[in-house]
Amino acid sequence: MMNRTLASIAIAAIAAIAAALALAYWPASDGGAPAAATATAAAAAPPGRSLASYFSVDASVPAAEAPLVIPLAQRLARLAASGRAEDAYAAFNLIDDCMVFLREGRLPGMEFELGREMTAEEKVAQQQLCAGLTQRQRDERLAYLATAAKAGVPGASTIFLSEGPFGDRSALRNRPDDPLVQEWKRQAIAQLTAQADEGELSSVSTLMMAYLRDGDVVRKDAPQAYGYLLALRMVYGELLAPGIANPYQDEYWHWLQDELTPAQQAAATAKAQAIAAKFRQHAGRPAPA
């Protein structure tokens, strides 16, 4: 049990690093408009966000003139009306955070990002925001997520996978042969693969971890896992400051490389190089000398 716990912590840490780098280096898709940048940042980040992000959903309203807490229904209506996939993901996150807060009285994701617990004032503001959450809004939550994942919003495909088929993670174990579950699995992996091929780091990290062992969604595939591992190694090697250890070096992962033939290693390297090149392209970074 202890080894499983430590492994889970390690996986979470890797995913958090990937999400942080995606947040820092993945630009807004339309050239940097404020609303687009906010939505893209929210998509790349872990599921929790600081309360400040809730107060800037409508970029057309100056912050000084905005009410302290805009009602949840009004925020969701504005996001839905935009027709943007990034805003659909923001709507999912608003509802998801409210569901977590109403259940736990806190936002673990926000606390993880800020490195502290929520203040009393933040909890009051969150309670005011979430008090009007309806069952219809809860039911619409996964539709918003599906829209974002299908459109390739950074981070959405990873959350789509973690939610399980139609929000029911147990369906993967209890109904593995259900055609709807099978189709959901194909969709989840296809979305992640498309995003990983574009150099979106949370998808790369998610697929690497998925292919490391047999699971409910995919079977173990060491060549696939190693290709994604190498891609992360290349990206981190360029981004990490001198003296900071790259968590994807073979000194930590040599056992995975040892499972591959020379031909498989060469194919994995070519795949990783293509993914790293896409990351640089989207991030506007030059190729290493």
Foldseek 3Di string as FASTA:
>chain_A
DVVVVVVVVVLVVQLQVLLVVLLVQFAFPPHHDPLSNLLLNCQSHPLDDDCVSQQCNPVVDPSVPGDPADALVVSLVVLVVVVDLSSLVVLLSLLVQLVVCVVPVFRVSHCVVVVHGDDPVRSVNSCRRNVPDDVVSVLCNVVSLVSNLVVLRQNSLLVLVVCAQSNDPCCLVVPVPPPSNLVSLVSSLVSLVVNLLLQRRSSLSSQLVPQCACDSRDHHDLLSNLLSLLLQQQQCVVVPDPPDDRPSDCVNVVVSVVVDDPVSVVVSNVSSVSSNVSSCVSSVHDDDD
